[in-house]
Amino acid sequence: MNDVCCCLDVDGFGREIACEIRRARKEHTCCECLQTIKPGDQYEHYRGVYDDDIFTAKTCLPCAGIRRDFFHCGWYYGQMREDFYECNGWDYLGEWPERER
């Protein structure tokens, strides 16, 4: 994965401020799979403007790779896992956590 990513907003109303690969100094939660991004892990950090509000998203690199490989036409942050399941009929993490379904 490159040090810079190309994030897009499917409805065209958002504007990217920055999107980069960072190394975590503290724990974060992936906006897609809800797994913990641990200190020392690399992750994708996105910051943009949507509806006049600053929006940030932190994505683990495995989810960022799935997004890159399967979502060529766009996505909504935080909805990729469900969209992947609806399109492909299986969850890329195995089983949905109880709180998800």
Protein backbone atom coordinates (compact mmCIF):
# COMPACT_ATOMS: atom_id res chain seq x y z
CA MET A 1 0.00 0.00 0.00
CA ASN A 2 1.28 3.50 -0.78
CA ASP A 3 1.86 6.13 1.89
CA VAL A 4 -0.95 8.16 0.33
CA CYS A 5 -4.41 6.83 -0.45
CA CYS A 6 -7.17 7.97 -2.74
CA CYS A 7 -10.37 8.25 -0.74
CA LEU A 8 -13.55 9.18 -2.47
CA ASP A 9 -16.97 10.20 -1.38
CA VAL A 10 -19.72 8.47 -3.32
CA ASP A 11 -22.19 11.32 -3.24
CA GLY A 12 -19.73 14.04 -4.23
CA PHE A 13 -20.59 16.43 -1.38
CA GLY A 14 -17.48 15.69 0.71
CA ARG A 15 -14.03 17.17 0.35
CA GLU A 16 -10.83 15.40 1.35
CA ILE A 17 -8.40 17.33 3.52
CA ALA A 18 -5.85 14.56 4.08
CA CYS A 19 -5.54 10.80 3.76
CA GLU A 20 -2.37 9.09 4.88
CA ILE A 21 -0.91 5.96 6.39
CA ARG A 22 0.06 6.47 10.03
CA ARG A 23 1.56 4.36 12.80
CA ALA A 24 -0.65 4.22 15.90
CA ARG A 25 0.75 5.65 19.13
CA LYS A 26 -2.35 4.62 21.07
CA GLU A 27 -5.30 2.27 20.52
CA HIS A 28 -7.89 3.19 17.91
CA THR A 29 -10.91 1.36 16.52
CA CYS A 30 -11.20 0.56 12.80
CA CYS A 31 -14.28 2.30 11.42
CA GLU A 32 -15.05 -0.71 9.21
CA CYS A 33 -14.45 -3.94 11.18
CA LEU A 34 -14.49 -2.38 14.68
CA GLN A 35 -11.29 -4.28 15.56
CA THR A 36 -8.65 -2.58 17.69
CA ILE A 37 -5.77 -0.86 15.93
CA LYS A 38 -2.96 -1.40 18.44
CA PRO A 39 -0.01 0.89 19.18
CA GLY A 40 2.65 0.26 16.55
CA ASP A 41 0.15 -0.89 13.88
CA GLN A 42 -0.12 1.08 10.68
CA TYR A 43 -3.56 2.37 9.70
CA GLU A 44 -5.20 4.69 7.18
CA HIS A 45 -6.18 8.06 8.63
CA TYR A 46 -8.71 10.07 6.62
CA ARG A 47 -9.83 13.62 7.33
CA GLY A 48 -12.34 15.51 5.25
CA VAL A 49 -15.28 17.88 5.26
CA TYR A 50 -18.81 16.54 4.89
CA ASP A 51 -21.90 18.74 5.31
CA ASP A 52 -19.65 21.55 6.61
CA ASP A 53 -18.31 19.33 9.43
CA ILE A 54 -14.81 17.88 9.81
CA PHE A 55 -14.96 14.09 9.51
CA THR A 56 -12.19 11.65 10.44
CA ALA A 57 -11.96 7.91 9.90
CA LYS A 58 -9.35 5.39 10.99
CA THR A 59 -9.18 2.16 8.99
CA CYS A 60 -6.95 -0.86 9.66
CA LEU A 61 -4.80 -1.83 6.67
CA PRO A 62 -6.62 -5.15 6.00
CA CYS A 63 -9.94 -3.28 5.64
CA ALA A 64 -8.27 -0.54 3.60
CA GLY A 65 -6.97 -3.27 1.26
CA ILE A 66 -10.43 -4.82 0.88
CA ARG A 67 -11.86 -1.39 0.15
CA ARG A 68 -9.13 -0.78 -2.45
CA ASP A 69 -9.71 -4.18 -4.12
CA PHE A 70 -13.52 -4.40 -4.02
CA PHE A 71 -14.98 -0.88 -3.84
CA HIS A 72 -13.83 0.78 -7.05
CA CYS A 73 -16.95 2.94 -7.42
CA GLY A 74 -16.98 4.38 -3.91
CA TRP A 75 -18.08 3.66 -0.36
CA TYR A 76 -19.39 5.20 2.81
CA TYR A 77 -17.03 5.03 5.79
CA GLY A 78 -18.31 2.62 8.43
CA GLN A 79 -20.58 0.73 6.03
CA MET A 80 -18.08 -1.28 3.97
CA ARG A 81 -18.40 -4.55 5.88
CA GLU A 82 -22.18 -4.65 5.53
CA ASP A 83 -21.99 -3.65 1.86
CA PHE A 84 -19.40 -6.35 1.22
CA TYR A 85 -21.70 -8.93 2.83
CA GLU A 86 -24.72 -7.80 0.81
CA CYS A 87 -22.78 -7.95 -2.46
CA ASN A 88 -20.80 -11.15 -1.86
CA GLY A 89 -22.94 -13.17 0.57
CA TRP A 90 -20.19 -13.67 3.16
CA ASP A 91 -18.51 -11.67 5.89
CA TYR A 92 -14.82 -11.14 5.25
CA LEU A 93 -14.13 -11.43 9.01
CA GLY A 94 -15.97 -14.73 9.43
CA GLU A 95 -18.84 -14.08 11.83
CA TRP A 96 -20.67 -10.88 12.68
CA PRO A 97 -20.14 -9.74 16.27
CA GLU A 98 -23.32 -10.00 18.34
CA ARG A 99 -23.79 -6.25 18.52
CA GLU A 100 -23.68 -5.95 14.72
CA ARG A 101 -26.64 -8.09 13.68
